[in-house]
Amino acid sequence: MYRFYLPSKQWLLLEPQLNASDTYHALHVLRRQKGDSILIFDGAGNQAVAKIIGIEQRREPQAILSIGTHVTLPPPTCELTLVQAVPKNKNMDLIIQKAVELGASRIIPILTERTILKNMNHEDAIKKQKRWQQIALEACKQSGQNWLPLIEEPIELLTRIERLIPQERQLLLIASLEARKDTLKNVITRFPNPTAVTIMIGPEGDFTPQEYRAASDCGFQPIDLGPIILRTETAAFYCLSILSYEFK
């Protein structure tokens, strides 16, 4: 059944409505009509079958819904956060799509000394954040994921690393190409049942020694991803796959 996002506040209204964009997609692309049913979710674990009962004609049409009994899926037992160095071109789009499918609860894009994009003004950062949040939403629609991850505003790692300071029962990991590191398997064995795990993935040229020191000071443990040097997007998928399997 076709899936659409409906914010939680809409579920409480007498006549909840799809936005104009989703209405157009439902009526003109998917050929849904009055009386047809669709699947809706709110990004906070709730899902329900809804029937299109009318079309509100404003400047742009909006489908009016009747929402049936909803099902609430429990939140993840372990929150996965991906701290990802922003790669070149549109590879960040792919990383966000796959991170949603692999169960990431939060994604924090970072700018490092060796990313192509090293700094960003606030206006551009907000534009990137909104675009990536929309990509995450579309990935939820496509994949059946009912928990919408939060995509945070891109930050410069060294100047804003305090935002990554650990919380209780949180496992902090950083994928490392340096000599002093441990295997992911060993780290997981030593730290069972965390409530949250954060994995930091660097750029193609790796983190600088200063960035490694800053991460270590915040409690990040360096981990080895094996003898083959992975592309930054591959490293993100690899780590999220293992962490999702182990802790979710």
C-alpha atoms as a PDB file:
ATOM      1  CA  MET A   1       0.000   0.000   0.000  1.00  0.00           C
ATOM      2  CA  TYR A   2       1.258   3.506  -0.807  1.00  0.00           C
ATOM      3  CA  ARG A   3       2.829   5.309   2.177  1.00  0.00           C
ATOM      4  CA  PHE A   4       2.533   8.994   3.028  1.00  0.00           C
ATOM      5  CA  TYR A   5       3.892  11.106   5.869  1.00  0.00           C
ATOM      6  CA  LEU A   6       1.388  12.923   8.054  1.00  0.00           C
ATOM      7  CA  PRO A   7       2.777  14.991  10.971  1.00  0.00           C
ATOM      8  CA  SER A   8       1.532  14.018  14.426  1.00  0.00           C
ATOM      9  CA  LYS A   9      -0.428  17.259  14.908  1.00  0.00           C
ATOM     10  CA  GLN A  10      -2.554  16.428  11.843  1.00  0.00           C
ATOM     11  CA  TRP A  11      -3.700  13.131  13.399  1.00  0.00           C
ATOM     12  CA  LEU A  12      -5.616  15.062  16.102  1.00  0.00           C
ATOM     13  CA  LEU A  13      -7.714  17.152  13.682  1.00  0.00           C
ATOM     14  CA  LEU A  14     -11.291  16.362  12.690  1.00  0.00           C
ATOM     15  CA  GLU A  15     -10.289  16.559   9.029  1.00  0.00           C
ATOM     16  CA  PRO A  16      -6.584  15.652   8.694  1.00  0.00           C
ATOM     17  CA  GLN A  17      -5.170  16.525   5.294  1.00  0.00           C
ATOM     18  CA  LEU A  18      -2.214  15.547   3.168  1.00  0.00           C
ATOM     19  CA  ASN A  19      -0.114  18.485   2.050  1.00  0.00           C
ATOM     20  CA  ALA A  20      -0.445  19.757  -1.513  1.00  0.00           C
ATOM     21  CA  SER A  21       2.631  17.908  -2.785  1.00  0.00           C
ATOM     22  CA  ASP A  22       1.537  14.528  -1.408  1.00  0.00           C
ATOM     23  CA  THR A  23      -2.014  15.143  -2.599  1.00  0.00           C
ATOM     24  CA  TYR A  24      -0.771  15.746  -6.128  1.00  0.00           C
ATOM     25  CA  HIS A  25       1.344  12.590  -5.961  1.00  0.00           C
ATOM     26  CA  ALA A  26      -1.570  10.520  -4.645  1.00  0.00           C
ATOM     27  CA  LEU A  27      -4.145  11.796  -7.134  1.00  0.00           C
ATOM     28  CA  HIS A  28      -2.163  12.371 -10.308  1.00  0.00           C
ATOM     29  CA  VAL A  29       0.819  10.022 -10.104  1.00  0.00           C
ATOM     30  CA  LEU A  30      -0.597   7.060  -8.170  1.00  0.00           C
ATOM     31  CA  ARG A  31      -4.150   7.611  -9.462  1.00  0.00           C
ATOM     32  CA  ARG A  32      -5.726   7.386  -6.003  1.00  0.00           C
ATOM     33  CA  GLN A  33      -9.334   8.520  -5.846  1.00  0.00           C
ATOM     34  CA  LYS A  34     -11.950   9.429  -3.241  1.00  0.00           C
ATOM     35  CA  GLY A  35     -12.712   6.239  -1.329  1.00  0.00           C
ATOM     36  CA  ASP A  36      -9.247   4.721  -1.827  1.00  0.00           C
ATOM     37  CA  SER A  37      -7.040   3.812   1.128  1.00  0.00           C
ATOM     38  CA  ILE A  38      -3.433   4.781   1.758  1.00  0.00           C
ATOM     39  CA  LEU A  39      -0.948   4.097   4.564  1.00  0.00           C
ATOM     40  CA  ILE A  40       0.172   7.008   6.708  1.00  0.00           C
ATOM     41  CA  PHE A  41       2.943   7.349   9.306  1.00  0.00           C
ATOM     42  CA  ASP A  42       4.038  10.206  11.547  1.00  0.00           C
ATOM     43  CA  GLY A  43       7.774   9.538  11.879  1.00  0.00           C
ATOM     44  CA  ALA A  44       7.347   8.818  15.593  1.00  0.00           C
ATOM     45  CA  GLY A  45       6.418   5.152  15.348  1.00  0.00           C
ATOM     46  CA  ASN A  46       2.715   5.511  14.501  1.00  0.00           C
ATOM     47  CA  GLN A  47       1.197   3.978  11.382  1.00  0.00           C
ATOM     48  CA  ALA A  48      -2.412   3.663  10.198  1.00  0.00           C
ATOM     49  CA  VAL A  49      -4.582   2.980   7.190  1.00  0.00           C
ATOM     50  CA  ALA A  50      -6.428   6.128   6.070  1.00  0.00           C
ATOM     51  CA  LYS A  51      -9.192   6.615   3.530  1.00  0.00           C
ATOM     52  CA  ILE A  52      -9.414   9.588   1.185  1.00  0.00           C
ATOM     53  CA  ILE A  53     -12.878  11.006   1.914  1.00  0.00           C
ATOM     54  CA  GLY A  54     -12.681  14.300   0.035  1.00  0.00           C
ATOM     55  CA  ILE A  55     -10.548  16.942  -1.648  1.00  0.00           C
ATOM     56  CA  GLU A  56     -10.204  20.409  -0.126  1.00  0.00           C
ATOM     57  CA  GLN A  57      -9.999  22.948  -2.957  1.00  0.00           C
ATOM     58  CA  ARG A  58      -7.760  25.816  -1.925  1.00  0.00           C
ATOM     59  CA  ARG A  59      -5.014  27.416  -3.957  1.00  0.00           C
ATOM     60  CA  GLU A  60      -3.748  23.847  -4.221  1.00  0.00           C
ATOM     61  CA  PRO A  61      -5.907  20.734  -3.596  1.00  0.00           C
ATOM     62  CA  GLN A  62      -5.409  18.828  -0.351  1.00  0.00           C
ATOM     63  CA  ALA A  63      -6.759  15.333   0.287  1.00  0.00           C
ATOM     64  CA  ILE A  64      -8.987  14.999   3.361  1.00  0.00           C
ATOM     65  CA  LEU A  65      -8.478  11.747   5.261  1.00  0.00           C
ATOM     66  CA  SER A  66     -10.338   9.511   7.663  1.00  0.00           C
ATOM     67  CA  ILE A  67      -7.745   7.756   9.836  1.00  0.00           C
ATOM     68  CA  GLY A  68      -8.383   4.222  11.046  1.00  0.00           C
ATOM     69  CA  THR A  69      -6.961   2.503  14.105  1.00  0.00           C
ATOM     70  CA  HIS A  70      -3.267   3.192  14.361  1.00  0.00           C
ATOM     71  CA  VAL A  71      -0.448   0.887  15.356  1.00  0.00           C
ATOM     72  CA  THR A  72       2.486   2.196  17.392  1.00  0.00           C
ATOM     73  CA  LEU A  73       5.834   0.531  16.935  1.00  0.00           C
ATOM     74  CA  PRO A  74       8.171   0.694  19.954  1.00  0.00           C
ATOM     75  CA  PRO A  75      11.240   2.935  19.666  1.00  0.00           C
ATOM     76  CA  PRO A  76      14.624   1.310  19.076  1.00  0.00           C
ATOM     77  CA  THR A  77      16.156  -0.193  22.203  1.00  0.00           C
ATOM     78  CA  CYS A  78      19.462   1.380  21.203  1.00  0.00           C
ATOM     79  CA  GLU A  79      19.702   4.749  19.461  1.00  0.00           C
ATOM     80  CA  LEU A  80      22.248   4.779  16.625  1.00  0.00           C
ATOM     81  CA  THR A  81      23.848   8.090  15.699  1.00  0.00           C
ATOM     82  CA  LEU A  82      25.990   8.499  12.589  1.00  0.00           C
ATOM     83  CA  VAL A  83      28.503  11.336  12.695  1.00  0.00           C
ATOM     84  CA  GLN A  84      29.507  11.578   9.047  1.00  0.00           C
ATOM     85  CA  ALA A  85      32.164  13.691   7.346  1.00  0.00           C
ATOM     86  CA  VAL A  86      30.449  15.286   4.355  1.00  0.00           C
ATOM     87  CA  PRO A  87      31.790  13.633   1.179  1.00  0.00           C
ATOM     88  CA  LYS A  88      32.113  15.140  -2.279  1.00  0.00           C
ATOM     89  CA  ASN A  89      29.361  15.397  -4.883  1.00  0.00           C
ATOM     90  CA  LYS A  90      26.001  13.947  -3.806  1.00  0.00           C
ATOM     91  CA  ASN A  91      27.353  10.965  -1.877  1.00  0.00           C
ATOM     92  CA  MET A  92      25.857  12.407   1.314  1.00  0.00           C
ATOM     93  CA  ASP A  93      22.405  11.881  -0.200  1.00  0.00           C
ATOM     94  CA  LEU A  94      23.135   8.171  -0.603  1.00  0.00           C
ATOM     95  CA  ILE A  95      24.568   7.919   2.915  1.00  0.00           C
ATOM     96  CA  ILE A  96      21.413   9.429   4.407  1.00  0.00           C
ATOM     97  CA  GLN A  97      19.131   7.147   2.384  1.00  0.00           C
ATOM     98  CA  LYS A  98      20.947   4.005   3.462  1.00  0.00           C
ATOM     99  CA  ALA A  99      21.407   5.181   7.062  1.00  0.00           C
ATOM    100  CA  VAL A 100      17.610   5.481   7.309  1.00  0.00           C
ATOM    101  CA  GLU A 101      17.188   1.939   5.981  1.00  0.00           C
ATOM    102  CA  LEU A 102      19.803   0.656   8.440  1.00  0.00           C
ATOM    103  CA  GLY A 103      18.068   2.170  11.447  1.00  0.00           C
ATOM    104  CA  ALA A 104      20.020   5.344  12.275  1.00  0.00           C
ATOM    105  CA  SER A 105      18.105   7.564  14.712  1.00  0.00           C
ATOM    106  CA  ARG A 106      20.223  10.660  14.153  1.00  0.00           C
ATOM    107  CA  ILE A 107      22.734  11.835  11.573  1.00  0.00           C
ATOM    108  CA  ILE A 108      25.217  14.630  12.279  1.00  0.00           C
ATOM    109  CA  PRO A 109      27.097  15.878   9.185  1.00  0.00           C
ATOM    110  CA  ILE A 110      30.561  17.201  10.023  1.00  0.00           C
ATOM    111  CA  LEU A 111      33.112  19.330   8.210  1.00  0.00           C
ATOM    112  CA  THR A 112      36.729  18.345   8.852  1.00  0.00           C
ATOM    113  CA  GLU A 113      40.183  19.505   7.819  1.00  0.00           C
ATOM    114  CA  ARG A 114      40.212  17.038   4.923  1.00  0.00           C
ATOM    115  CA  THR A 115      36.664  17.317   3.619  1.00  0.00           C
ATOM    116  CA  ILE A 116      36.389  19.219   0.359  1.00  0.00           C
ATOM    117  CA  LEU A 117      33.847  21.476   2.033  1.00  0.00           C
ATOM    118  CA  LYS A 118      35.655  22.806   5.111  1.00  0.00           C
ATOM    119  CA  ASN A 119      33.284  25.503   6.313  1.00  0.00           C
ATOM    120  CA  MET A 120      29.751  26.666   5.681  1.00  0.00           C
ATOM    121  CA  ASN A 121      27.794  29.759   6.656  1.00  0.00           C
ATOM    122  CA  HIS A 122      24.653  29.368   8.742  1.00  0.00           C
ATOM    123  CA  GLU A 123      22.248  30.002   5.873  1.00  0.00           C
ATOM    124  CA  ASP A 124      23.858  27.345   3.664  1.00  0.00           C
ATOM    125  CA  ALA A 125      23.997  24.912   6.577  1.00  0.00           C
ATOM    126  CA  ILE A 126      20.251  25.292   7.193  1.00  0.00           C
ATOM    127  CA  LYS A 127      19.526  24.742   3.486  1.00  0.00           C
ATOM    128  CA  LYS A 128      21.618  21.558   3.506  1.00  0.00           C
ATOM    129  CA  GLN A 129      19.925  20.349   6.674  1.00  0.00           C
ATOM    130  CA  LYS A 130      16.420  20.856   5.257  1.00  0.00           C
ATOM    131  CA  ARG A 131      17.340  19.107   2.018  1.00  0.00           C
ATOM    132  CA  TRP A 132      18.891  16.127   3.807  1.00  0.00           C
ATOM    133  CA  GLN A 133      15.919  15.914   6.193  1.00  0.00           C
ATOM    134  CA  GLN A 134      13.627  15.667   3.166  1.00  0.00           C
ATOM    135  CA  ILE A 135      15.807  12.896   1.716  1.00  0.00           C
ATOM    136  CA  ALA A 136      15.494  11.040   5.036  1.00  0.00           C
ATOM    137  CA  LEU A 137      11.711  11.437   4.915  1.00  0.00           C
ATOM    138  CA  GLU A 138      11.512  10.064   1.378  1.00  0.00           C
ATOM    139  CA  ALA A 139      13.695   7.125   2.441  1.00  0.00           C
ATOM    140  CA  CYS A 140      11.244   6.402   5.302  1.00  0.00           C
ATOM    141  CA  LYS A 141       8.340   6.387   2.850  1.00  0.00           C
ATOM    142  CA  GLN A 142      10.109   3.991   0.511  1.00  0.00           C
ATOM    143  CA  SER A 143      11.582   1.618   3.076  1.00  0.00           C
ATOM    144  CA  GLY A 144       8.712   1.267   5.546  1.00  0.00           C
ATOM    145  CA  GLN A 145      10.714   2.909   8.331  1.00  0.00           C
ATOM    146  CA  ASN A 146       8.245   4.527  10.773  1.00  0.00           C
ATOM    147  CA  TRP A 147      10.850   6.348  12.883  1.00  0.00           C
ATOM    148  CA  LEU A 148      12.103   9.452  11.089  1.00  0.00           C
ATOM    149  CA  PRO A 149      15.768  10.167  11.913  1.00  0.00           C
ATOM    150  CA  LEU A 150      16.830  13.666  12.894  1.00  0.00           C
ATOM    151  CA  ILE A 151      19.310  15.225  10.467  1.00  0.00           C
ATOM    152  CA  GLU A 152      21.222  17.909  12.306  1.00  0.00           C
ATOM    153  CA  GLU A 153      22.794  21.057  10.938  1.00  0.00           C
ATOM    154  CA  PRO A 154      26.329  20.462   9.585  1.00  0.00           C
ATOM    155  CA  ILE A 155      29.009  21.415  12.109  1.00  0.00           C
ATOM    156  CA  GLU A 156      32.752  22.022  11.984  1.00  0.00           C
ATOM    157  CA  LEU A 157      34.207  19.148  13.983  1.00  0.00           C
ATOM    158  CA  LEU A 158      36.981  20.863  15.916  1.00  0.00           C
ATOM    159  CA  THR A 159      34.960  23.942  16.867  1.00  0.00           C
ATOM    160  CA  ARG A 160      31.727  22.115  17.800  1.00  0.00           C
ATOM    161  CA  ILE A 161      32.885  18.712  19.004  1.00  0.00           C
ATOM    162  CA  GLU A 162      31.444  19.406  22.470  1.00  0.00           C
ATOM    163  CA  ARG A 163      28.034  18.526  20.990  1.00  0.00           C
ATOM    164  CA  LEU A 164      29.255  14.940  20.814  1.00  0.00           C
ATOM    165  CA  ILE A 165      30.181  14.617  24.504  1.00  0.00           C
ATOM    166  CA  PRO A 166      28.987  11.209  25.762  1.00  0.00           C
ATOM    167  CA  GLN A 167      25.869  10.554  27.796  1.00  0.00           C
ATOM    168  CA  GLU A 168      25.189   7.723  30.235  1.00  0.00           C
ATOM    169  CA  ARG A 169      25.542   4.233  28.742  1.00  0.00           C
ATOM    170  CA  GLN A 170      26.550   5.624  25.370  1.00  0.00           C
ATOM    171  CA  LEU A 171      29.193   3.864  23.311  1.00  0.00           C
ATOM    172  CA  LEU A 172      31.292   6.275  21.239  1.00  0.00           C
ATOM    173  CA  LEU A 173      33.257   4.897  18.285  1.00  0.00           C
ATOM    174  CA  ILE A 174      35.440   6.422  15.591  1.00  0.00           C
ATOM    175  CA  ALA A 175      36.520   4.518  12.481  1.00  0.00           C
ATOM    176  CA  SER A 176      40.290   4.838  12.449  1.00  0.00           C
ATOM    177  CA  LEU A 177      43.182   4.341  10.050  1.00  0.00           C
ATOM    178  CA  GLU A 178      45.732   5.021  12.781  1.00  0.00           C
ATOM    179  CA  ALA A 179      47.884   2.273  14.287  1.00  0.00           C
ATOM    180  CA  ARG A 180      46.386   2.310  17.801  1.00  0.00           C
ATOM    181  CA  LYS A 181      42.873   0.854  17.496  1.00  0.00           C
ATOM    182  CA  ASP A 182      40.786  -2.171  18.395  1.00  0.00           C
ATOM    183  CA  THR A 183      38.377  -4.322  16.428  1.00  0.00           C
ATOM    184  CA  LEU A 184      34.691  -3.472  16.464  1.00  0.00           C
ATOM    185  CA  LYS A 185      33.966  -6.981  17.712  1.00  0.00           C
ATOM    186  CA  ASN A 186      36.206  -6.547  20.766  1.00  0.00           C
ATOM    187  CA  VAL A 187      34.749  -3.160  21.647  1.00  0.00           C
ATOM    188  CA  ILE A 188      31.180  -4.478  21.417  1.00  0.00           C
ATOM    189  CA  THR A 189      32.096  -7.410  23.673  1.00  0.00           C
ATOM    190  CA  ARG A 190      33.494  -5.074  26.316  1.00  0.00           C
ATOM    191  CA  PHE A 191      30.475  -2.754  26.222  1.00  0.00           C
ATOM    192  CA  PRO A 192      27.254  -4.814  26.061  1.00  0.00           C
ATOM    193  CA  ASN A 193      23.743  -3.356  25.994  1.00  0.00           C
ATOM    194  CA  PRO A 194      24.379   0.374  25.527  1.00  0.00           C
ATOM    195  CA  THR A 195      21.319   2.623  25.275  1.00  0.00           C
ATOM    196  CA  ALA A 196      22.971   4.624  22.496  1.00  0.00           C
ATOM    197  CA  VAL A 197      25.878   4.210  20.095  1.00  0.00           C
ATOM    198  CA  THR A 198      27.545   6.965  18.093  1.00  0.00           C
ATOM    199  CA  ILE A 199      29.842   6.068  15.205  1.00  0.00           C
ATOM    200  CA  MET A 200      32.026   8.739  13.613  1.00  0.00           C
ATOM    201  CA  ILE A 201      33.165   8.240  10.008  1.00  0.00           C
ATOM    202  CA  GLY A 202      35.876  10.420   8.511  1.00  0.00           C
ATOM    203  CA  PRO A 203      36.551  11.788   5.030  1.00  0.00           C
ATOM    204  CA  GLU A 204      38.416   9.952   2.262  1.00  0.00           C
ATOM    205  CA  GLY A 205      41.708  11.402   3.509  1.00  0.00           C
ATOM    206  CA  ASP A 206      40.975  10.335   7.129  1.00  0.00           C
ATOM    207  CA  PHE A 207      40.900  12.506  10.219  1.00  0.00           C
ATOM    208  CA  THR A 208      43.931  14.596  11.147  1.00  0.00           C
ATOM    209  CA  PRO A 209      45.940  13.780  14.296  1.00  0.00           C
ATOM    210  CA  GLN A 210      44.401  16.849  15.969  1.00  0.00           C
ATOM    211  CA  GLU A 211      40.885  15.606  15.167  1.00  0.00           C
ATOM    212  CA  TYR A 212      41.710  12.154  16.528  1.00  0.00           C
ATOM    213  CA  ARG A 213      42.976  13.724  19.761  1.00  0.00           C
ATOM    214  CA  ALA A 214      39.844  15.849  20.103  1.00  0.00           C
ATOM    215  CA  ALA A 215      37.631  12.801  19.555  1.00  0.00           C
ATOM    216  CA  SER A 216      39.636  10.777  22.076  1.00  0.00           C
ATOM    217  CA  ASP A 217      39.287  13.557  24.654  1.00  0.00           C
ATOM    218  CA  CYS A 218      35.489  13.274  24.220  1.00  0.00           C
ATOM    219  CA  GLY A 219      35.574   9.523  24.824  1.00  0.00           C
ATOM    220  CA  PHE A 220      35.545   8.120  21.287  1.00  0.00           C
ATOM    221  CA  GLN A 221      37.221   4.735  20.952  1.00  0.00           C
ATOM    222  CA  PRO A 222      39.133   4.080  17.687  1.00  0.00           C
ATOM    223  CA  ILE A 223      38.055   0.943  15.826  1.00  0.00           C
ATOM    224  CA  ASP A 224      39.555  -1.019  12.949  1.00  0.00           C
ATOM    225  CA  LEU A 225      37.352  -1.831   9.948  1.00  0.00           C
ATOM    226  CA  GLY A 226      39.715  -4.412   8.495  1.00  0.00           C
ATOM    227  CA  PRO A 227      42.707  -4.498   6.130  1.00  0.00           C
ATOM    228  CA  ILE A 228      40.864  -2.990   3.141  1.00  0.00           C
ATOM    229  CA  ILE A 229      40.531   0.795   3.123  1.00  0.00           C
ATOM    230  CA  LEU A 230      36.854   1.543   2.616  1.00  0.00           C
ATOM    231  CA  ARG A 231      35.304   4.552   0.955  1.00  0.00           C
ATOM    232  CA  THR A 232      33.624   6.840   3.473  1.00  0.00           C
ATOM    233  CA  GLU A 233      30.105   5.817   2.420  1.00  0.00           C
ATOM    234  CA  THR A 234      31.019   2.112   2.517  1.00  0.00           C
ATOM    235  CA  ALA A 235      32.474   2.526   6.012  1.00  0.00           C
ATOM    236  CA  ALA A 236      29.218   4.127   7.182  1.00  0.00           C
ATOM    237  CA  PHE A 237      27.078   1.295   5.776  1.00  0.00           C
ATOM    238  CA  TYR A 238      29.421  -1.352   7.192  1.00  0.00           C
ATOM    239  CA  CYS A 239      29.359   0.068  10.709  1.00  0.00           C
ATOM    240  CA  LEU A 240      25.639   0.770  10.810  1.00  0.00           C
ATOM    241  CA  SER A 241      24.875  -2.742   9.560  1.00  0.00           C
ATOM    242  CA  ILE A 242      26.918  -4.364  12.329  1.00  0.00           C
ATOM    243  CA  LEU A 243      25.666  -2.036  15.065  1.00  0.00           C
ATOM    244  CA  SER A 244      22.049  -2.459  14.002  1.00  0.00           C
ATOM    245  CA  TYR A 245      22.451  -6.236  14.032  1.00  0.00           C
ATOM    246  CA  GLU A 246      24.129  -6.256  17.437  1.00  0.00           C
ATOM    247  CA  PHE A 247      22.039  -3.747  19.374  1.00  0.00           C
ATOM    248  CA  LYS A 248      18.570  -3.484  17.773  1.00  0.00           C
END
